[in-house]
Amino acid sequence: MSTTASQATAIDLTTLTVEQVQDGLRTGAFTAERLAQACLRQIETHNPRYNAIVFVNDKALDDARAIDRRRAAGEALGPLAGVPVVVKDPMDMVGFPTTAGWSLLHSKSGGVDLMPATDAPVVARMRAAGAVILGKTNVPVLSHTGTHADDSWAGPTRNVVLPDRVPGGSSAGTAAAVGASMAVLGLAEETGGSIQNPASAQDLVGIKPTIGLVPNAGVMPLSANRDVVGPIARCVRDAALCLDVLAGYSAEDPKTLAGVGRTPPKGYTAKLHKDALQGVRLGLYGPGWRAQPLSTEAQELYDRAARELRSLGAILVEDPFQGTGFAALRQPTTPLPNFDARGMESVPYDLHKYLERLGPDAALRSFADFAEATAAQSAFGPGGVLSYLHNLPQFKACLAAPTTPPDLSDFIALKAAYLRIVDTVFAAHRLDGLVFPQMREELPRIRTGTIQETTVGEINIAGMPAVTVPAGYYASGAPFGLLFVGQLWSEAELLAYAYAYESATQHRQRPTLG
């Protein structure tokens, strides 16, 4: 990568927010081009260590210059115009292959390149908002794990806060790019922890939206019924501004029709104020939600966070799910000790529809093509990264008929059961939300274990939204994060709670980059 970034030396990328970007562009402190140059220089300097970005956009400077010309012409531009962003690899972006971290889907690693004819709606929306997309970020093979990206064709991504700890996944690269100030914002995607895990693991803010709020067409799927795109940022306001751009109906993703009328008229920043926790009733983590206790140190950090929340006016309700049967709904999928995969039965059909969308010139156009091209390391065969799906009763029929809309009656019944209990508990305790430690214990060291979260499965199956926010550190220096969880379509309120907590505590510290 060649840039003139040596000229871009006066911009402090480590503290830069969207608001500060717009202030700098408006006052002439810097241009969009100069800011992009600074970020590209940051990528040159730090990406070799953290391996966050797998493809750099060689048109980023042209895009930045176009924003500068529009601004100079007096055009009214939105808050993301000129803001440097990165995009998770499985999201289709014209000009780049969608590899999903798999060597078999990367020509330079011996596979085939899936070159999309059109951008995914979320990428198109970021372009239309004037964001400067710097590149695409690393993921594990088919985004199969929420802990790391170790098996990616591009190699592992490192945690920016503590490089000897797992970075979180599958949006590992997006979190590392934002954490290392290579970009101001990043697009992530979650099926089972893939926004909240890396955001919390790398001391960042993440929004896992309600299913149906943001379109996920043009994103290589694990489950059309659980996948959702959301932002990762260094502060709550930036994440909210990004969600304003991402949210909304798309004809390419009919389930987004459910979100019509659910977005706040004045945007997701409208409710952000420092006293937003005053009088708010929040449920606490306990065995009624999940019968898995916190580690001693996690409990101590959670207790401290509870005191902070109370000092900000929040009313905390102990284990509101006790006695409801909620915890019994969770069933980890054999042989996985901690992950409930229900809802992922549809992945053959979902992949088939995704491949159809790529366009007439795509190297693979159907699930049958996909299966043939990846037969040497079949994702669904013995030892494959998704082989556990065979233990879901309705998966075999889905795999046998990948072009037929799948029977997901088991998943639908489970989703309904989750939502009924959630609605009952919120009404009975007059809850405004839940606030949990995002993980039950501190991050494991690389290649020694998996992230032990508190909500993966439950909120992914139910489709509920959540917002992660930094909340301190373990003695080791590993980040401790809180997760605000709410009923469907409650993103604006959750962001307000997270903003009030963030404003009062200011727990996040800028990482020391190697």
Protein backbone atom coordinates (compact mmCIF):
# COMPACT_ATOMS: atom_id res chain seq x y z
CA MET A 1 0.00 0.00 0.00
CA SER A 2 1.42 3.38 -1.00
CA THR A 3 0.11 6.63 0.47
CA THR A 4 1.26 10.13 1.15
CA ALA A 5 0.36 9.55 4.76
CA SER A 6 3.61 11.07 6.00
CA GLN A 7 1.82 14.41 5.57
CA ALA A 8 -0.92 13.31 7.98
CA THR A 9 0.87 13.56 11.28
CA ALA A 10 -1.21 15.87 13.46
CA ILE A 11 -4.41 13.84 13.82
CA ASP A 12 -4.76 11.91 17.08
CA LEU A 13 -6.56 8.82 15.81
CA THR A 14 -6.70 7.15 19.23
CA THR A 15 -9.33 9.52 20.62
CA LEU A 16 -11.04 10.52 17.39
CA THR A 17 -14.85 10.34 17.40
CA VAL A 18 -17.37 10.88 14.62
CA GLU A 19 -18.24 14.26 16.11
CA GLN A 20 -14.57 15.25 16.16
CA VAL A 21 -14.18 14.14 12.55
CA GLN A 22 -17.01 16.44 11.53
CA ASP A 23 -15.60 19.31 13.60
CA GLY A 24 -12.19 18.84 11.97
CA LEU A 25 -13.64 18.73 8.47
CA ARG A 26 -15.85 21.74 9.10
CA THR A 27 -13.10 23.92 10.57
CA GLY A 28 -10.48 22.81 8.05
CA ALA A 29 -8.24 21.24 10.67
CA PHE A 30 -7.93 18.37 8.21
CA THR A 31 -9.59 17.04 5.08
CA ALA A 32 -11.22 13.68 4.51
CA GLU A 33 -8.28 12.81 2.29
CA ARG A 34 -5.78 13.65 5.00
CA LEU A 35 -7.73 11.70 7.59
CA ALA A 36 -7.87 8.68 5.30
CA GLN A 37 -4.13 8.99 4.76
CA ALA A 38 -3.59 8.98 8.52
CA CYS A 39 -5.67 5.82 8.92
CA LEU A 40 -3.90 4.10 6.05
CA ARG A 41 -0.61 4.93 7.72
CA GLN A 42 -1.98 3.44 10.95
CA ILE A 43 -2.83 0.29 9.02
CA GLU A 44 0.67 0.14 7.53
CA THR A 45 2.17 0.51 11.00
CA HIS A 46 -0.03 -1.72 13.13
CA ASN A 47 -1.82 -4.23 10.92
CA PRO A 48 1.25 -6.46 10.60
CA ARG A 49 1.02 -7.02 14.36
CA TYR A 50 -2.75 -7.31 14.85
CA ASN A 51 -3.80 -8.70 11.45
CA ALA A 52 -7.16 -6.97 11.55
CA ILE A 53 -7.54 -6.02 7.89
CA VAL A 54 -7.24 -8.58 5.09
CA PHE A 55 -8.02 -6.36 2.09
CA VAL A 56 -7.17 -2.66 1.81
CA ASN A 57 -9.36 -0.54 -0.45
CA ASP A 58 -7.06 1.13 -2.97
CA LYS A 59 -9.89 3.54 -3.86
CA ALA A 60 -10.25 4.87 -0.31
CA LEU A 61 -8.31 8.06 -1.04
CA ASP A 62 -10.39 8.70 -4.17
CA ASP A 63 -13.54 8.28 -2.08
CA ALA A 64 -12.18 10.70 0.53
CA ARG A 65 -11.29 13.26 -2.12
CA ALA A 66 -14.83 13.02 -3.49
CA ILE A 67 -16.19 13.89 -0.04
CA ASP A 68 -13.85 16.88 0.12
CA ARG A 69 -15.10 18.09 -3.25
CA ARG A 70 -18.74 17.73 -2.19
CA ARG A 71 -18.05 19.62 1.02
CA ALA A 72 -16.21 22.39 -0.85
CA ALA A 73 -19.19 22.70 -3.20
CA GLY A 74 -21.45 23.41 -0.21
CA GLU A 75 -23.33 20.13 -0.27
CA ALA A 76 -25.06 19.19 2.98
CA LEU A 77 -23.43 16.00 4.22
CA GLY A 78 -24.41 13.55 6.96
CA PRO A 79 -22.45 12.75 10.13
CA LEU A 80 -20.60 9.77 8.61
CA ALA A 81 -19.35 11.65 5.55
CA GLY A 82 -15.58 11.33 5.48
CA VAL A 83 -15.48 8.98 8.46
CA PRO A 84 -13.03 6.07 7.99
CA VAL A 85 -14.67 2.68 8.44
CA VAL A 86 -13.92 -1.01 7.93
CA VAL A 87 -16.24 -3.81 6.86
CA LYS A 88 -16.32 -7.43 8.00
CA ASP A 89 -15.14 -9.80 5.26
CA PRO A 90 -18.41 -11.77 4.81
CA MET A 91 -20.22 -8.58 3.72
CA ASP A 92 -20.29 -8.23 -0.05
CA MET A 93 -18.33 -5.25 -1.33
CA VAL A 94 -17.87 -4.74 -5.06
CA GLY A 95 -14.25 -5.10 -6.09
CA PHE A 96 -13.31 -7.52 -3.31
CA PRO A 97 -13.83 -11.26 -2.86
CA THR A 98 -16.05 -12.42 -0.03
CA THR A 99 -13.91 -15.15 1.51
CA ALA A 100 -15.45 -15.73 4.95
CA GLY A 101 -11.92 -16.44 6.15
CA TRP A 102 -11.74 -19.72 4.21
CA SER A 103 -8.80 -20.64 1.99
CA LEU A 104 -11.20 -22.52 -0.27
CA LEU A 105 -12.95 -19.22 -1.00
CA HIS A 106 -9.74 -17.29 -1.66
CA SER A 107 -7.97 -17.75 -4.98
CA LYS A 108 -4.52 -16.81 -3.69
CA SER A 109 -4.85 -19.61 -1.11
CA GLY A 110 -5.87 -22.20 -3.68
CA GLY A 111 -9.63 -21.65 -3.72
CA VAL A 112 -12.14 -19.71 -5.79
CA ASP A 113 -13.00 -16.03 -5.45
CA LEU A 114 -16.62 -15.04 -4.84
CA MET A 115 -16.80 -11.60 -6.45
CA PRO A 116 -20.15 -9.89 -5.80
CA ALA A 117 -21.84 -7.93 -8.57
CA THR A 118 -23.42 -5.55 -6.04
CA ASP A 119 -22.72 -4.32 -2.53
CA ALA A 120 -24.58 -5.76 0.43
CA PRO A 121 -27.28 -3.25 1.49
CA VAL A 122 -25.33 -2.35 4.64
CA VAL A 123 -22.19 -1.60 2.60
CA ALA A 124 -24.25 0.39 0.09
CA ARG A 125 -25.74 2.41 2.93
CA MET A 126 -22.32 3.24 4.34
CA ARG A 127 -21.12 4.34 0.90
CA ALA A 128 -24.26 6.46 0.41
CA ALA A 129 -23.64 8.09 3.80
CA GLY A 130 -20.20 9.15 2.58
CA ALA A 131 -18.18 6.88 4.84
CA VAL A 132 -14.70 6.12 3.53
CA ILE A 133 -14.34 2.35 3.52
CA LEU A 134 -10.69 1.50 4.14
CA GLY A 135 -10.91 -2.28 3.78
CA LYS A 136 -12.32 -5.60 4.87
CA THR A 137 -11.55 -7.37 8.13
CA ASN A 138 -10.51 -10.84 9.25
CA VAL A 139 -12.82 -13.65 10.44
CA PRO A 140 -12.51 -17.35 11.25
CA VAL A 141 -13.63 -19.87 8.63
CA LEU A 142 -17.32 -19.23 7.88
CA SER A 143 -17.48 -17.09 11.04
CA HIS A 144 -17.89 -20.32 12.97
CA THR A 145 -16.56 -19.22 16.37
CA GLY A 146 -17.10 -16.31 18.73
CA THR A 147 -13.61 -16.58 20.23
CA HIS A 148 -10.90 -16.10 17.58
CA ALA A 149 -9.90 -16.01 13.90
CA ASP A 150 -7.07 -18.52 14.20
CA ASP A 151 -8.09 -20.68 11.22
CA SER A 152 -8.51 -17.82 8.73
CA TRP A 153 -6.52 -18.08 5.49
CA ALA A 154 -5.04 -14.72 6.53
CA GLY A 155 -3.84 -16.00 9.88
CA PRO A 156 -4.99 -15.09 13.40
CA THR A 157 -6.09 -11.65 14.54
CA ARG A 158 -4.57 -10.41 17.81
CA ASN A 159 -6.36 -8.70 20.69
CA VAL A 160 -5.33 -5.04 20.73
CA VAL A 161 -5.74 -4.69 24.51
CA LEU A 162 -3.89 -7.88 25.47
CA PRO A 163 -2.26 -9.65 22.50
CA ASP A 164 -1.86 -12.90 24.46
CA ARG A 165 -5.64 -13.15 24.98
CA VAL A 166 -8.27 -14.19 22.45
CA PRO A 167 -9.64 -11.29 20.39
CA GLY A 168 -13.25 -12.43 20.32
CA GLY A 169 -14.98 -13.53 17.16
CA SER A 170 -16.14 -13.82 14.62
CA SER A 171 -15.82 -10.06 14.05
CA ALA A 172 -12.28 -10.24 15.42
CA GLY A 173 -10.73 -8.09 12.71
CA THR A 174 -13.36 -5.36 12.90
CA ALA A 175 -12.85 -5.00 16.65
CA ALA A 176 -9.06 -4.98 16.34
CA ALA A 177 -9.14 -2.39 13.55
CA VAL A 178 -11.31 -0.05 15.60
CA GLY A 179 -9.39 -0.75 18.81
CA ALA A 180 -6.05 -0.02 17.12
CA SER A 181 -7.42 3.23 15.64
CA MET A 182 -7.07 2.00 12.07
CA ALA A 183 -10.66 3.19 11.58
CA VAL A 184 -13.23 5.14 13.56
CA LEU A 185 -16.07 2.66 12.99
CA GLY A 186 -16.43 -0.96 11.92
CA LEU A 187 -19.25 -3.14 10.63
CA ALA A 188 -19.65 -6.43 12.47
CA GLU A 189 -22.22 -9.22 12.34
CA GLU A 190 -23.57 -11.64 14.91
CA THR A 191 -25.16 -15.07 14.79
CA GLY A 192 -23.94 -16.21 18.19
CA GLY A 193 -21.86 -13.60 20.00
CA SER A 194 -19.90 -12.25 17.04
CA ILE A 195 -20.54 -8.56 17.82
CA GLN A 196 -20.74 -8.62 21.60
CA ASN A 197 -17.78 -10.99 22.16
CA PRO A 198 -15.10 -9.08 20.18
CA ALA A 199 -16.42 -5.71 21.32
CA SER A 200 -16.19 -6.73 24.96
CA ALA A 201 -12.92 -8.61 24.48
CA GLN A 202 -11.26 -5.51 23.00
CA ASP A 203 -12.83 -2.89 25.30
CA LEU A 204 -15.23 -1.41 22.76
CA VAL A 205 -18.88 -0.57 22.24
CA GLY A 206 -20.95 -2.92 20.11
CA ILE A 207 -24.61 -2.97 19.09
CA LYS A 208 -26.28 -6.30 18.40
CA PRO A 209 -29.59 -5.10 16.91
CA THR A 210 -33.02 -6.66 16.98
CA ILE A 211 -33.43 -9.21 14.19
CA GLY A 212 -35.13 -7.38 11.34
CA LEU A 213 -33.84 -3.89 12.13
CA VAL A 214 -30.82 -4.08 9.79
CA PRO A 215 -30.77 -6.01 6.48
CA ASN A 216 -28.32 -8.88 6.19
CA ALA A 217 -28.81 -9.66 2.50
CA GLY A 218 -25.46 -9.90 0.77
CA VAL A 219 -23.74 -11.16 3.90
CA MET A 220 -22.50 -14.75 3.75
CA PRO A 221 -24.87 -16.40 6.22
CA LEU A 222 -24.83 -18.82 9.08
CA SER A 223 -28.52 -18.30 9.72
CA ALA A 224 -30.89 -15.89 8.02
CA ASN A 225 -32.98 -16.18 11.18
CA ARG A 226 -30.22 -15.20 13.62
CA ASP A 227 -27.66 -13.19 11.61
CA VAL A 228 -27.68 -9.44 12.21
CA VAL A 229 -25.27 -6.65 11.23
CA GLY A 230 -24.29 -3.97 13.73
CA PRO A 231 -21.52 -1.46 14.49
CA ILE A 232 -18.43 -1.64 16.67
CA ALA A 233 -17.06 1.70 17.90
CA ARG A 234 -14.94 3.27 20.61
CA CYS A 235 -17.86 5.17 22.16
CA VAL A 236 -21.63 4.86 22.40
CA ARG A 237 -22.50 7.97 20.38
CA ASP A 238 -20.44 6.79 17.41
CA ALA A 239 -22.14 3.40 17.45
CA ALA A 240 -25.56 5.07 17.59
CA LEU A 241 -24.74 7.30 14.61
CA CYS A 242 -23.68 4.26 12.62
CA LEU A 243 -26.88 2.40 13.51
CA ASP A 244 -28.85 5.36 12.11
CA VAL A 245 -27.31 4.58 8.72
CA LEU A 246 -27.62 0.79 8.91
CA ALA A 247 -31.20 0.46 10.18
CA GLY A 248 -34.24 0.38 7.97
CA TYR A 249 -36.26 -1.56 5.42
CA SER A 250 -34.62 -3.21 2.42
CA ALA A 251 -36.60 -5.01 -0.26
CA GLU A 252 -33.69 -7.47 -0.45
CA ASP A 253 -34.42 -8.62 3.12
CA PRO A 254 -38.18 -8.93 3.68
CA LYS A 255 -37.84 -9.48 7.43
CA THR A 256 -36.83 -5.81 7.73
CA LEU A 257 -40.48 -4.97 7.10
CA ALA A 258 -40.98 -5.78 10.79
CA GLY A 259 -38.74 -2.84 11.70
CA VAL A 260 -40.79 -0.23 9.85
CA GLY A 261 -41.97 2.35 12.39
CA ARG A 262 -39.58 0.98 15.02
CA THR A 263 -36.69 3.39 14.49
CA PRO A 264 -36.65 6.63 16.54
CA PRO A 265 -37.83 9.60 14.42
CA LYS A 266 -34.92 11.76 15.59
CA GLY A 267 -32.33 9.00 15.37
CA TYR A 268 -30.53 6.77 17.84
CA THR A 269 -28.66 9.65 19.46
CA ALA A 270 -31.82 11.51 20.48
CA LYS A 271 -32.10 9.89 23.91
CA LEU A 272 -28.41 10.02 24.79
CA HIS A 273 -28.04 12.05 27.97
CA LYS A 274 -26.08 11.67 31.17
CA ASP A 275 -29.07 11.13 33.47
CA ALA A 276 -30.70 8.47 31.30
CA LEU A 277 -30.34 5.85 34.06
CA GLN A 278 -32.31 7.84 36.60
CA GLY A 279 -35.24 5.70 37.78
CA VAL A 280 -34.56 2.98 35.22
CA ARG A 281 -35.32 -0.56 36.39
CA LEU A 282 -32.73 -3.11 35.27
CA GLY A 283 -32.67 -6.85 35.90
CA LEU A 284 -29.43 -8.48 37.08
CA TYR A 285 -27.79 -11.71 35.97
CA GLY A 286 -28.62 -14.81 37.98
CA PRO A 287 -29.44 -18.52 37.79
CA GLY A 288 -32.95 -17.74 36.60
CA TRP A 289 -31.41 -16.53 33.34
CA ARG A 290 -28.63 -19.12 33.17
CA ALA A 291 -27.38 -21.59 35.76
CA GLN A 292 -23.74 -20.65 35.28
CA PRO A 293 -22.14 -18.57 38.05
CA LEU A 294 -19.62 -15.80 37.58
CA SER A 295 -15.98 -16.21 38.53
CA THR A 296 -14.97 -14.57 41.80
CA GLU A 297 -13.28 -11.64 40.08
CA ALA A 298 -16.07 -11.23 37.53
CA GLN A 299 -18.57 -11.07 40.39
CA GLU A 300 -16.49 -8.41 42.14
CA LEU A 301 -16.36 -6.31 38.99
CA TYR A 302 -20.09 -6.81 38.41
CA ASP A 303 -20.83 -5.77 42.00
CA ARG A 304 -18.81 -2.61 41.45
CA ALA A 305 -20.71 -1.90 38.24
CA ALA A 306 -23.97 -2.40 40.14
CA ARG A 307 -22.90 0.20 42.68
CA GLU A 308 -22.04 2.58 39.85
CA LEU A 309 -25.43 2.02 38.24
CA ARG A 310 -27.25 2.63 41.51
CA SER A 311 -25.28 5.84 42.03
CA LEU A 312 -26.60 6.97 38.65
CA GLY A 313 -30.19 6.38 39.75
CA ALA A 314 -30.82 2.91 38.38
CA ILE A 315 -33.04 0.51 40.31
CA LEU A 316 -31.61 -3.01 40.12
CA VAL A 317 -33.74 -6.13 40.36
CA GLU A 318 -32.07 -9.34 41.50
CA ASP A 319 -32.48 -12.36 39.17
CA PRO A 320 -35.92 -11.46 37.77
CA PHE A 321 -36.06 -14.70 35.75
CA GLN A 322 -35.99 -16.90 38.85
CA GLY A 323 -38.70 -19.54 38.75
CA THR A 324 -39.78 -18.80 35.17
CA GLY A 325 -38.23 -21.81 33.42
CA PHE A 326 -36.20 -19.52 31.18
CA ALA A 327 -32.83 -21.14 31.92
CA ALA A 328 -34.22 -24.60 31.08
CA LEU A 329 -34.93 -23.53 27.48
CA ARG A 330 -31.22 -23.38 26.72
CA GLN A 331 -29.76 -26.60 25.27
CA PRO A 332 -26.14 -26.54 24.06
CA THR A 333 -25.76 -28.45 20.82
CA THR A 334 -23.69 -31.63 21.10
CA PRO A 335 -20.68 -31.76 21.19
CA LEU A 336 -20.41 -28.02 21.91
CA PRO A 337 -20.37 -27.41 25.67
CA ASN A 338 -21.82 -23.90 25.64
CA PHE A 339 -23.45 -23.02 22.30
CA ASP A 340 -27.10 -23.50 21.35
CA ALA A 341 -27.14 -23.62 17.54
CA ARG A 342 -30.88 -23.86 17.00
CA GLY A 343 -31.96 -21.62 14.14
CA MET A 344 -28.87 -22.48 12.11
CA GLU A 345 -30.54 -25.50 10.50
CA SER A 346 -31.38 -23.33 7.51
CA VAL A 347 -27.78 -22.56 6.52
CA PRO A 348 -27.79 -24.70 3.31
CA TYR A 349 -30.84 -22.82 2.01
CA ASP A 350 -29.49 -19.50 3.24
CA LEU A 351 -26.16 -20.09 1.50
CA HIS A 352 -28.00 -21.06 -1.68
CA LYS A 353 -29.96 -17.78 -1.66
CA TYR A 354 -26.81 -15.81 -0.85
CA LEU A 355 -24.93 -17.37 -3.78
CA GLU A 356 -27.82 -16.66 -6.15
CA ARG A 357 -27.52 -12.99 -5.24
CA LEU A 358 -23.83 -12.74 -6.16
CA GLY A 359 -24.65 -12.31 -9.85
CA PRO A 360 -24.46 -14.25 -13.13
CA ASP A 361 -20.69 -14.18 -13.32
CA ALA A 362 -20.03 -15.55 -9.82
CA ALA A 363 -17.73 -18.54 -9.52
CA LEU A 364 -20.35 -20.35 -7.43
CA ARG A 365 -24.08 -19.87 -8.04
CA SER A 366 -25.75 -22.50 -5.88
CA PHE A 367 -25.32 -24.58 -2.76
CA ALA A 368 -24.47 -27.55 -4.99
CA ASP A 369 -21.61 -25.51 -6.47
CA PHE A 370 -20.49 -24.54 -2.98
CA ALA A 371 -20.52 -28.13 -1.76
CA GLU A 372 -18.47 -29.28 -4.75
CA ALA A 373 -15.91 -26.47 -4.43
CA THR A 374 -15.41 -27.11 -0.72
CA ALA A 375 -15.65 -30.90 -0.72
CA ALA A 376 -12.01 -31.27 0.31
CA GLN A 377 -12.77 -29.59 3.65
CA SER A 378 -16.55 -29.86 3.85
CA ALA A 379 -17.93 -27.54 6.52
CA PHE A 380 -20.66 -30.08 7.25
CA GLY A 381 -18.64 -33.29 7.01
CA PRO A 382 -16.83 -35.10 9.83
CA GLY A 383 -14.53 -32.64 11.54
CA GLY A 384 -15.96 -29.71 9.59
CA VAL A 385 -16.48 -26.39 11.35
CA LEU A 386 -20.26 -26.84 11.17
CA SER A 387 -20.43 -30.60 11.59
CA TYR A 388 -22.30 -30.19 14.89
CA LEU A 389 -25.38 -29.06 12.96
CA HIS A 390 -26.13 -32.72 12.23
CA ASN A 391 -27.20 -32.98 15.87
CA LEU A 392 -30.10 -30.59 15.26
CA PRO A 393 -33.12 -32.77 14.37
CA GLN A 394 -34.30 -30.67 11.42
CA PHE A 395 -30.90 -30.08 9.83
CA LYS A 396 -30.66 -33.32 7.84
CA ALA A 397 -33.75 -32.46 5.79
CA CYS A 398 -32.44 -28.94 5.19
CA LEU A 399 -29.11 -30.28 3.95
CA ALA A 400 -30.82 -32.79 1.67
CA ALA A 401 -32.95 -30.11 -0.02
CA PRO A 402 -30.97 -26.85 0.05
CA THR A 403 -33.13 -25.12 -2.54
CA THR A 404 -36.36 -25.74 -0.60
CA PRO A 405 -37.52 -23.31 2.12
CA PRO A 406 -36.64 -25.16 5.33
CA ASP A 407 -38.85 -26.46 8.11
CA LEU A 408 -37.81 -24.45 11.17
CA SER A 409 -40.76 -25.26 13.39
CA ASP A 410 -38.53 -26.27 16.31
CA PHE A 411 -36.68 -22.97 16.19
CA ILE A 412 -39.86 -20.92 15.84
CA ALA A 413 -41.42 -22.64 18.86
CA LEU A 414 -38.28 -22.00 20.91
CA LYS A 415 -38.13 -18.34 19.86
CA ALA A 416 -41.75 -17.88 20.86
CA ALA A 417 -41.12 -19.52 24.25
CA TYR A 418 -38.18 -17.21 24.95
CA LEU A 419 -40.10 -14.10 23.99
CA ARG A 420 -43.18 -15.04 26.03
CA ILE A 421 -41.09 -15.40 29.18
CA VAL A 422 -39.15 -12.20 28.51
CA ASP A 423 -42.36 -10.22 28.02
CA THR A 424 -43.87 -11.72 31.19
CA VAL A 425 -40.78 -10.97 33.28
CA PHE A 426 -40.46 -7.41 32.00
CA ALA A 427 -44.11 -6.75 32.79
CA ALA A 428 -44.07 -8.43 36.22
CA HIS A 429 -40.98 -6.54 37.41
CA ARG A 430 -41.65 -3.34 35.42
CA LEU A 431 -38.23 -3.70 33.83
CA ASP A 432 -36.74 -1.27 31.35
CA GLY A 433 -33.89 -3.60 30.51
CA LEU A 434 -31.30 -6.04 31.78
CA VAL A 435 -27.66 -5.40 32.61
CA PHE A 436 -25.30 -8.36 32.69
CA PRO A 437 -21.56 -8.90 32.68
CA GLN A 438 -20.92 -9.77 29.05
CA MET A 439 -18.61 -12.64 30.11
CA ARG A 440 -18.72 -14.87 33.16
CA GLU A 441 -14.95 -14.89 33.55
CA GLU A 442 -11.95 -13.14 32.07
CA LEU A 443 -10.69 -13.79 28.56
CA PRO A 444 -8.72 -17.00 28.04
CA ARG A 445 -5.23 -16.89 26.66
CA ILE A 446 -4.94 -17.61 22.95
CA ARG A 447 -5.59 -21.23 22.00
CA THR A 448 -6.46 -22.24 25.58
CA GLY A 449 -10.24 -21.98 25.70
CA THR A 450 -13.40 -20.25 24.55
CA ILE A 451 -15.10 -17.06 25.69
CA GLN A 452 -17.60 -17.76 28.48
CA GLU A 453 -20.36 -15.26 27.75
CA THR A 454 -23.73 -14.83 29.48
CA THR A 455 -26.22 -14.31 26.67
CA VAL A 456 -25.11 -16.01 23.45
CA GLY A 457 -27.93 -18.23 22.25
CA GLU A 458 -30.70 -16.72 24.33
CA ILE A 459 -30.74 -13.28 22.72
CA ASN A 460 -29.70 -14.60 19.30
CA ILE A 461 -32.59 -17.03 19.18
CA ALA A 462 -35.07 -14.57 20.68
CA GLY A 463 -33.80 -11.83 18.37
CA MET A 464 -33.34 -9.33 21.21
CA PRO A 465 -31.01 -6.32 21.04
CA ALA A 466 -27.97 -5.66 23.22
CA VAL A 467 -25.30 -3.01 23.67
CA THR A 468 -21.84 -3.68 25.10
CA VAL A 469 -19.92 -0.99 26.98
CA PRO A 470 -16.51 -1.05 28.71
CA ALA A 471 -16.78 -1.41 32.49
CA GLY A 472 -13.26 -1.87 33.82
CA TYR A 473 -10.47 -4.41 33.89
CA TYR A 474 -9.44 -7.60 35.61
CA ALA A 475 -6.19 -7.58 37.57
CA SER A 476 -4.53 -9.11 34.50
CA GLY A 477 -5.57 -6.13 32.38
CA ALA A 478 -8.22 -8.10 30.48
CA PRO A 479 -11.28 -5.93 29.76
CA PHE A 480 -14.52 -6.33 31.70
CA GLY A 481 -17.64 -5.29 29.81
CA LEU A 482 -21.30 -4.79 30.60
CA LEU A 483 -24.14 -5.80 28.29
CA PHE A 484 -27.43 -3.90 28.30
CA VAL A 485 -30.19 -6.15 26.94
CA GLY A 486 -33.76 -5.18 26.12
CA GLN A 487 -37.01 -6.20 24.53
CA LEU A 488 -37.37 -6.12 20.76
CA TRP A 489 -36.75 -2.72 19.13
CA SER A 490 -35.41 -1.10 22.34
CA GLU A 491 -32.03 -0.07 20.90
CA ALA A 492 -32.58 3.65 21.56
CA GLU A 493 -33.20 3.05 25.26
CA LEU A 494 -30.29 0.61 25.64
CA LEU A 495 -27.96 3.09 23.97
CA ALA A 496 -29.15 5.78 26.38
CA TYR A 497 -28.37 3.58 29.40
CA ALA A 498 -24.96 2.66 27.99
CA TYR A 499 -24.22 6.31 27.25
CA ALA A 500 -25.09 7.42 30.76
CA TYR A 501 -22.90 4.68 32.24
CA GLU A 502 -20.03 5.43 29.86
CA SER A 503 -20.23 9.18 30.54
CA ALA A 504 -20.12 8.73 34.31
CA THR A 505 -17.45 6.04 34.55
CA GLN A 506 -15.10 6.58 31.59
CA HIS A 507 -13.64 3.12 32.15
CA ARG A 508 -12.12 2.64 28.71
CA GLN A 509 -8.42 3.40 28.44
CA ARG A 510 -6.66 3.75 25.13
CA PRO A 511 -4.58 0.61 24.49
CA THR A 512 -0.82 0.65 24.19
CA LEU A 513 -0.14 -0.42 20.62
CA GLY A 514 2.83 -2.63 19.93
